[in-house]
Amino acid sequence: MKLVILSHATAAHAAIDGYPEERAVERATDVATDKELAELCKALGHPARVQILRLLMGSPCICGDVVQVVGLAQSTVSEHLRVLKQVGLIRGEVDGPRVCYCVDPAAIERFRTVVTAFVSNPGLHRSRSCC
């Protein structure tokens, strides 16, 4: 899980971009959250990674069974696991000659939080007048 620390320079940049100063820090936070959401969505942008994450969410820990369940080559599964681990959605621990993977519950909760914040944006226009 990545922790994003915002600087005063980021807030000042947001103020320069046309946002009122009182909204500058909030805007900087929005930008950081948008980046985090994009990274998480990109990691889940392949059906195999969604399948792997779903598999891991249904089990406390999986060691070596991912390839058989997903039905892809070992190297392909390893790459998908690397991407999911890189964004922090899963953790891997070496257990002898293999790696055991499990979901990071805090990362899943963070993903749920940023998606919920995104889709419940109060500025979202719900008008049917467009398209």
N, C-alpha and C. Protein backbone atom coordinates (compact mmCIF):
# COMPACT_ATOMS: atom_id res chain seq x y z
N MET A 1 0.86 -1.16 0.00
CA MET A 1 0.00 0.00 0.00
C MET A 1 0.90 1.22 0.00
N LYS A 2 0.61 2.16 -0.84
CA LYS A 2 1.41 3.36 -0.95
C LYS A 2 0.77 4.49 -0.15
N LEU A 3 1.60 5.24 0.54
CA LEU A 3 1.13 6.40 1.28
C LEU A 3 1.53 7.63 0.48
N VAL A 4 0.57 8.49 0.18
CA VAL A 4 0.85 9.69 -0.59
C VAL A 4 0.91 10.88 0.34
N ILE A 5 2.04 11.58 0.31
CA ILE A 5 2.21 12.77 1.13
C ILE A 5 2.22 13.97 0.20
N LEU A 6 1.35 14.89 0.47
CA LEU A 6 1.23 16.07 -0.38
C LEU A 6 2.08 17.21 0.17
N SER A 7 2.73 17.92 -0.70
CA SER A 7 3.54 19.04 -0.27
C SER A 7 2.77 20.34 -0.45
N HIS A 8 3.28 21.40 0.19
CA HIS A 8 2.68 22.72 0.00
C HIS A 8 2.83 23.16 -1.45
N ALA A 9 3.90 22.72 -2.10
CA ALA A 9 4.12 23.08 -3.50
C ALA A 9 3.01 22.50 -4.37
N THR A 10 2.57 21.28 -4.07
CA THR A 10 1.48 20.67 -4.83
C THR A 10 0.20 21.47 -4.64
N ALA A 11 -0.08 21.87 -3.41
CA ALA A 11 -1.27 22.67 -3.13
C ALA A 11 -1.18 24.02 -3.83
N ALA A 12 0.00 24.63 -3.80
CA ALA A 12 0.18 25.92 -4.47
C ALA A 12 -0.02 25.78 -5.96
N HIS A 13 0.46 24.67 -6.54
CA HIS A 13 0.29 24.43 -7.96
C HIS A 13 -1.21 24.31 -8.30
N ALA A 14 -1.95 23.61 -7.43
CA ALA A 14 -3.40 23.48 -7.64
C ALA A 14 -4.07 24.85 -7.60
N ALA A 15 -3.60 25.74 -6.69
CA ALA A 15 -4.17 27.09 -6.61
C ALA A 15 -3.86 27.88 -7.87
N ILE A 16 -2.67 27.71 -8.40
CA ILE A 16 -2.28 28.39 -9.64
C ILE A 16 -3.14 27.91 -10.80
N ASP A 17 -3.53 26.63 -10.78
CA ASP A 17 -4.33 26.06 -11.86
C ASP A 17 -5.77 26.54 -11.86
N GLY A 18 -6.09 27.53 -11.06
CA GLY A 18 -7.42 28.12 -11.10
C GLY A 18 -8.34 27.68 -9.98
N TYR A 19 -7.87 26.93 -9.04
CA TYR A 19 -8.69 26.52 -7.91
C TYR A 19 -8.48 27.53 -6.78
N PRO A 20 -9.53 27.88 -6.05
CA PRO A 20 -9.37 28.79 -4.92
C PRO A 20 -8.40 28.21 -3.91
N GLU A 21 -7.69 29.10 -3.19
CA GLU A 21 -6.69 28.62 -2.25
C GLU A 21 -7.26 27.67 -1.22
N GLU A 22 -8.48 27.93 -0.73
CA GLU A 22 -9.07 27.05 0.27
C GLU A 22 -9.35 25.65 -0.29
N ARG A 23 -9.44 25.54 -1.60
CA ARG A 23 -9.69 24.24 -2.24
C ARG A 23 -8.40 23.61 -2.76
N ALA A 24 -7.28 24.33 -2.66
CA ALA A 24 -6.03 23.86 -3.25
C ALA A 24 -5.56 22.53 -2.67
N VAL A 25 -5.59 22.39 -1.35
CA VAL A 25 -5.14 21.15 -0.73
C VAL A 25 -6.10 20.03 -1.09
N GLU A 26 -7.41 20.32 -1.09
CA GLU A 26 -8.39 19.31 -1.46
C GLU A 26 -8.16 18.87 -2.90
N ARG A 27 -7.88 19.80 -3.80
CA ARG A 27 -7.61 19.49 -5.20
C ARG A 27 -6.36 18.63 -5.33
N ALA A 28 -5.32 18.96 -4.57
CA ALA A 28 -4.09 18.17 -4.60
C ALA A 28 -4.37 16.74 -4.14
N THR A 29 -5.22 16.61 -3.12
CA THR A 29 -5.61 15.29 -2.65
C THR A 29 -6.39 14.55 -3.73
N ASP A 30 -7.30 15.25 -4.43
CA ASP A 30 -8.05 14.63 -5.52
C ASP A 30 -7.12 14.10 -6.59
N VAL A 31 -6.10 14.87 -6.94
CA VAL A 31 -5.15 14.46 -7.96
C VAL A 31 -4.41 13.20 -7.51
N ALA A 32 -3.97 13.16 -6.26
CA ALA A 32 -3.27 11.99 -5.74
C ALA A 32 -4.20 10.78 -5.72
N THR A 33 -5.45 10.98 -5.31
CA THR A 33 -6.41 9.89 -5.30
C THR A 33 -6.72 9.42 -6.71
N ASP A 34 -6.83 10.34 -7.65
CA ASP A 34 -7.07 9.97 -9.05
C ASP A 34 -5.93 9.10 -9.58
N LYS A 35 -4.71 9.47 -9.23
CA LYS A 35 -3.55 8.69 -9.68
C LYS A 35 -3.59 7.29 -9.07
N GLU A 36 -3.91 7.23 -7.79
CA GLU A 36 -3.99 5.94 -7.11
C GLU A 36 -5.09 5.07 -7.73
N LEU A 37 -6.25 5.66 -7.99
CA LEU A 37 -7.35 4.93 -8.60
C LEU A 37 -6.96 4.43 -9.98
N ALA A 38 -6.30 5.27 -10.76
CA ALA A 38 -5.87 4.86 -12.10
C ALA A 38 -4.89 3.70 -12.04
N GLU A 39 -3.96 3.74 -11.10
CA GLU A 39 -2.99 2.65 -10.96
C GLU A 39 -3.67 1.34 -10.58
N LEU A 40 -4.62 1.41 -9.65
CA LEU A 40 -5.34 0.20 -9.24
C LEU A 40 -6.19 -0.35 -10.39
N CYS A 41 -6.87 0.54 -11.11
CA CYS A 41 -7.70 0.11 -12.24
C CYS A 41 -6.84 -0.49 -13.35
N LYS A 42 -5.68 0.11 -13.58
CA LYS A 42 -4.77 -0.42 -14.60
C LYS A 42 -4.33 -1.84 -14.21
N ALA A 43 -4.03 -2.03 -12.93
CA ALA A 43 -3.63 -3.36 -12.47
C ALA A 43 -4.74 -4.38 -12.67
N LEU A 44 -5.97 -3.93 -12.57
CA LEU A 44 -7.12 -4.83 -12.75
C LEU A 44 -7.65 -4.78 -14.19
N GLY A 45 -6.87 -4.19 -15.08
CA GLY A 45 -7.31 -4.00 -16.46
C GLY A 45 -7.16 -5.22 -17.35
N HIS A 46 -6.79 -6.33 -16.79
CA HIS A 46 -6.69 -7.57 -17.57
C HIS A 46 -7.56 -8.63 -16.90
N PRO A 47 -8.39 -9.32 -17.68
CA PRO A 47 -9.30 -10.32 -17.08
C PRO A 47 -8.57 -11.40 -16.26
N ALA A 48 -7.37 -11.76 -16.66
CA ALA A 48 -6.63 -12.77 -15.90
C ALA A 48 -6.28 -12.26 -14.51
N ARG A 49 -5.94 -10.97 -14.40
CA ARG A 49 -5.61 -10.42 -13.08
C ARG A 49 -6.86 -10.33 -12.20
N VAL A 50 -7.99 -10.01 -12.80
CA VAL A 50 -9.24 -10.01 -12.04
C VAL A 50 -9.54 -11.43 -11.56
N GLN A 51 -9.35 -12.41 -12.43
CA GLN A 51 -9.59 -13.81 -12.07
C GLN A 51 -8.65 -14.24 -10.94
N ILE A 52 -7.39 -13.86 -11.03
CA ILE A 52 -6.42 -14.20 -9.98
C ILE A 52 -6.80 -13.54 -8.66
N LEU A 53 -7.17 -12.28 -8.70
CA LEU A 53 -7.55 -11.58 -7.47
C LEU A 53 -8.80 -12.21 -6.87
N ARG A 54 -9.76 -12.54 -7.70
CA ARG A 54 -10.99 -13.19 -7.21
C ARG A 54 -10.64 -14.54 -6.55
N LEU A 55 -9.74 -15.28 -7.18
CA LEU A 55 -9.30 -16.56 -6.63
C LEU A 55 -8.65 -16.36 -5.26
N LEU A 56 -7.77 -15.38 -5.16
CA LEU A 56 -7.09 -15.13 -3.91
C LEU A 56 -8.04 -14.59 -2.83
N MET A 57 -9.06 -13.87 -3.24
CA MET A 57 -10.03 -13.34 -2.26
C MET A 57 -10.85 -14.47 -1.64
N GLY A 58 -10.96 -15.58 -2.34
CA GLY A 58 -11.75 -16.70 -1.84
C GLY A 58 -10.95 -17.71 -1.04
N SER A 59 -9.68 -17.42 -0.80
CA SER A 59 -8.82 -18.36 -0.10
C SER A 59 -7.85 -17.58 0.78
N PRO A 60 -7.52 -18.11 1.95
CA PRO A 60 -6.60 -17.38 2.82
C PRO A 60 -5.21 -17.22 2.21
N CYS A 61 -4.71 -18.24 1.52
CA CYS A 61 -3.38 -18.16 0.92
C CYS A 61 -3.27 -19.27 -0.12
N ILE A 62 -2.66 -18.95 -1.24
CA ILE A 62 -2.51 -19.93 -2.31
C ILE A 62 -1.04 -20.05 -2.66
N CYS A 63 -0.59 -21.28 -2.67
CA CYS A 63 0.81 -21.56 -2.99
C CYS A 63 0.87 -22.46 -4.22
N GLY A 64 1.20 -21.91 -5.36
CA GLY A 64 1.44 -22.71 -6.55
C GLY A 64 0.22 -23.19 -7.32
N ASP A 65 -0.98 -23.00 -6.81
CA ASP A 65 -2.17 -23.50 -7.49
C ASP A 65 -2.72 -22.53 -8.53
N VAL A 66 -2.21 -21.33 -8.57
CA VAL A 66 -2.76 -20.29 -9.44
C VAL A 66 -2.67 -20.70 -10.90
N VAL A 67 -1.55 -21.27 -11.32
CA VAL A 67 -1.35 -21.65 -12.72
C VAL A 67 -2.40 -22.67 -13.15
N GLN A 68 -2.65 -23.68 -12.33
CA GLN A 68 -3.63 -24.71 -12.68
C GLN A 68 -5.05 -24.14 -12.78
N VAL A 69 -5.39 -23.26 -11.86
CA VAL A 69 -6.75 -22.70 -11.84
C VAL A 69 -6.98 -21.73 -13.00
N VAL A 70 -6.00 -20.86 -13.26
CA VAL A 70 -6.15 -19.84 -14.30
C VAL A 70 -5.96 -20.43 -15.69
N GLY A 71 -5.11 -21.45 -15.79
CA GLY A 71 -4.91 -22.10 -17.08
C GLY A 71 -4.01 -21.34 -18.04
N LEU A 72 -3.11 -20.54 -17.51
CA LEU A 72 -2.15 -19.81 -18.33
C LEU A 72 -0.75 -20.32 -18.03
N ALA A 73 0.19 -19.97 -18.87
CA ALA A 73 1.58 -20.37 -18.66
C ALA A 73 2.12 -19.80 -17.36
N GLN A 74 3.05 -20.51 -16.75
CA GLN A 74 3.65 -20.07 -15.49
C GLN A 74 4.21 -18.66 -15.60
N SER A 75 4.92 -18.37 -16.69
CA SER A 75 5.52 -17.04 -16.84
C SER A 75 4.46 -15.95 -16.94
N THR A 76 3.35 -16.25 -17.59
CA THR A 76 2.25 -15.28 -17.73
C THR A 76 1.61 -15.02 -16.37
N VAL A 77 1.35 -16.09 -15.63
CA VAL A 77 0.76 -15.94 -14.30
C VAL A 77 1.72 -15.17 -13.38
N SER A 78 2.99 -15.45 -13.47
CA SER A 78 3.98 -14.75 -12.66
C SER A 78 3.95 -13.25 -12.94
N GLU A 79 3.84 -12.89 -14.21
CA GLU A 79 3.78 -11.46 -14.57
C GLU A 79 2.51 -10.82 -14.01
N HIS A 80 1.38 -11.50 -14.12
CA HIS A 80 0.13 -10.95 -13.57
C HIS A 80 0.22 -10.80 -12.05
N LEU A 81 0.82 -11.78 -11.38
CA LEU A 81 1.01 -11.69 -9.93
C LEU A 81 1.93 -10.53 -9.58
N ARG A 82 2.98 -10.32 -10.38
CA ARG A 82 3.90 -9.21 -10.15
C ARG A 82 3.18 -7.87 -10.21
N VAL A 83 2.30 -7.71 -11.20
CA VAL A 83 1.55 -6.45 -11.36
C VAL A 83 0.63 -6.22 -10.16
N LEU A 84 -0.08 -7.25 -9.75
CA LEU A 84 -0.99 -7.13 -8.60
C LEU A 84 -0.21 -6.84 -7.31
N LYS A 85 0.95 -7.45 -7.19
CA LYS A 85 1.78 -7.22 -6.00
C LYS A 85 2.38 -5.82 -6.02
N GLN A 86 2.76 -5.35 -7.19
CA GLN A 86 3.38 -4.02 -7.32
C GLN A 86 2.45 -2.91 -6.83
N VAL A 87 1.14 -3.02 -7.09
CA VAL A 87 0.21 -1.99 -6.62
C VAL A 87 -0.28 -2.27 -5.20
N GLY A 88 0.16 -3.39 -4.63
CA GLY A 88 -0.16 -3.68 -3.24
C GLY A 88 -1.45 -4.44 -3.00
N LEU A 89 -2.12 -4.89 -4.06
CA LEU A 89 -3.38 -5.62 -3.85
C LEU A 89 -3.14 -7.01 -3.25
N ILE A 90 -1.98 -7.59 -3.53
CA ILE A 90 -1.66 -8.90 -2.98
C ILE A 90 -0.27 -8.85 -2.34
N ARG A 91 -0.03 -9.85 -1.51
CA ARG A 91 1.29 -10.03 -0.90
C ARG A 91 1.79 -11.42 -1.26
N GLY A 92 3.09 -11.57 -1.31
CA GLY A 92 3.68 -12.87 -1.58
C GLY A 92 4.78 -13.17 -0.58
N GLU A 93 4.77 -14.39 -0.07
CA GLU A 93 5.80 -14.81 0.88
C GLU A 93 6.44 -16.09 0.36
N VAL A 94 7.76 -16.12 0.42
CA VAL A 94 8.49 -17.30 -0.04
C VAL A 94 8.30 -18.41 0.99
N ASP A 95 7.93 -19.59 0.47
CA ASP A 95 7.73 -20.77 1.31
C ASP A 95 8.47 -21.92 0.63
N GLY A 96 9.74 -22.04 0.96
CA GLY A 96 10.58 -23.06 0.31
C GLY A 96 10.79 -22.70 -1.16
N PRO A 97 10.49 -23.64 -2.06
CA PRO A 97 10.72 -23.38 -3.49
C PRO A 97 9.58 -22.61 -4.16
N ARG A 98 8.58 -22.25 -3.43
CA ARG A 98 7.43 -21.57 -4.04
C ARG A 98 7.08 -20.30 -3.28
N VAL A 99 6.19 -19.51 -3.87
CA VAL A 99 5.72 -18.29 -3.24
C VAL A 99 4.24 -18.46 -2.95
N CYS A 100 3.84 -18.13 -1.73
CA CYS A 100 2.43 -18.18 -1.35
C CYS A 100 1.87 -16.77 -1.44
N TYR A 101 0.71 -16.65 -2.07
CA TYR A 101 0.09 -15.34 -2.29
C TYR A 101 -1.21 -15.23 -1.51
N CYS A 102 -1.48 -14.02 -1.04
CA CYS A 102 -2.75 -13.73 -0.39
C CYS A 102 -3.11 -12.26 -0.68
N VAL A 103 -4.38 -11.96 -0.50
CA VAL A 103 -4.88 -10.60 -0.70
C VAL A 103 -4.49 -9.75 0.49
N ASP A 104 -4.19 -8.50 0.24
CA ASP A 104 -3.94 -7.54 1.32
C ASP A 104 -5.28 -6.87 1.62
N PRO A 105 -5.94 -7.24 2.72
CA PRO A 105 -7.27 -6.69 3.02
C PRO A 105 -7.30 -5.17 3.10
N ALA A 106 -6.25 -4.56 3.61
CA ALA A 106 -6.21 -3.09 3.71
C ALA A 106 -6.20 -2.47 2.32
N ALA A 107 -5.50 -3.08 1.38
CA ALA A 107 -5.44 -2.56 0.01
C ALA A 107 -6.79 -2.71 -0.68
N ILE A 108 -7.47 -3.81 -0.43
CA ILE A 108 -8.80 -4.02 -1.02
C ILE A 108 -9.77 -2.98 -0.46
N GLU A 109 -9.68 -2.71 0.83
CA GLU A 109 -10.55 -1.70 1.44
C GLU A 109 -10.24 -0.32 0.88
N ARG A 110 -8.96 -0.02 0.67
CA ARG A 110 -8.58 1.28 0.09
C ARG A 110 -9.13 1.39 -1.33
N PHE A 111 -9.05 0.31 -2.10
CA PHE A 111 -9.60 0.31 -3.46
C PHE A 111 -11.09 0.58 -3.41
N ARG A 112 -11.78 -0.08 -2.49
CA ARG A 112 -13.22 0.13 -2.33
C ARG A 112 -13.51 1.60 -2.00
N THR A 113 -12.70 2.19 -1.14
CA THR A 113 -12.88 3.58 -0.73
C THR A 113 -12.70 4.54 -1.90
N VAL A 114 -11.62 4.37 -2.68
CA VAL A 114 -11.38 5.32 -3.77
C VAL A 114 -12.40 5.14 -4.90
N VAL A 115 -12.86 3.91 -5.15
CA VAL A 115 -13.89 3.70 -6.16
C VAL A 115 -15.22 4.32 -5.70
N THR A 116 -15.56 4.09 -4.45
CA THR A 116 -16.81 4.66 -3.91
C THR A 116 -16.77 6.18 -3.97
N ALA A 117 -15.65 6.77 -3.60
CA ALA A 117 -15.52 8.23 -3.66
C ALA A 117 -15.66 8.73 -5.09
N PHE A 118 -15.11 7.98 -6.03
CA PHE A 118 -15.18 8.37 -7.43
C PHE A 118 -16.61 8.32 -7.97
N VAL A 119 -17.31 7.24 -7.71
CA VAL A 119 -18.65 7.09 -8.27
C VAL A 119 -19.73 7.85 -7.49
N SER A 120 -19.42 8.29 -6.27
CA SER A 120 -20.41 9.06 -5.53
C SER A 120 -20.06 10.54 -5.49
N ASN A 121 -19.34 10.99 -6.47
CA ASN A 121 -18.96 12.39 -6.60
C ASN A 121 -20.22 13.25 -6.63
N PRO A 122 -20.35 14.20 -5.69
CA PRO A 122 -21.57 15.03 -5.67
C PRO A 122 -21.71 15.90 -6.92
N GLY A 123 -20.62 16.12 -7.63
CA GLY A 123 -20.69 16.93 -8.85
C GLY A 123 -21.10 16.13 -10.08
N LEU A 124 -21.33 14.84 -9.90
CA LEU A 124 -21.70 13.99 -11.02
C LEU A 124 -23.08 14.40 -11.54
N HIS A 125 -23.14 14.73 -12.80
CA HIS A 125 -24.41 15.14 -13.39
C HIS A 125 -25.25 13.91 -13.70
N ARG A 126 -26.41 13.89 -13.14
CA ARG A 126 -27.29 12.75 -13.34
C ARG A 126 -28.42 13.08 -14.32
N SER A 127 -28.24 14.16 -14.99
CA SER A 127 -29.25 14.59 -15.94
C SER A 127 -29.28 13.68 -17.15
N ARG A 128 -30.44 13.43 -17.68
CA ARG A 128 -30.57 12.60 -18.88
C ARG A 128 -30.59 13.47 -20.13
N SER A 129 -30.28 14.74 -19.97
CA SER A 129 -30.35 15.64 -21.12
C SER A 129 -29.16 15.47 -22.07
N CYS A 130 -28.15 14.77 -21.63
CA CYS A 130 -26.98 14.59 -22.49
C CYS A 130 -26.92 13.15 -22.98
N CYS A 131 -26.75 13.01 -24.25
CA CYS A 131 -26.59 11.72 -24.93
C CYS A 131 -27.64 10.74 -24.49
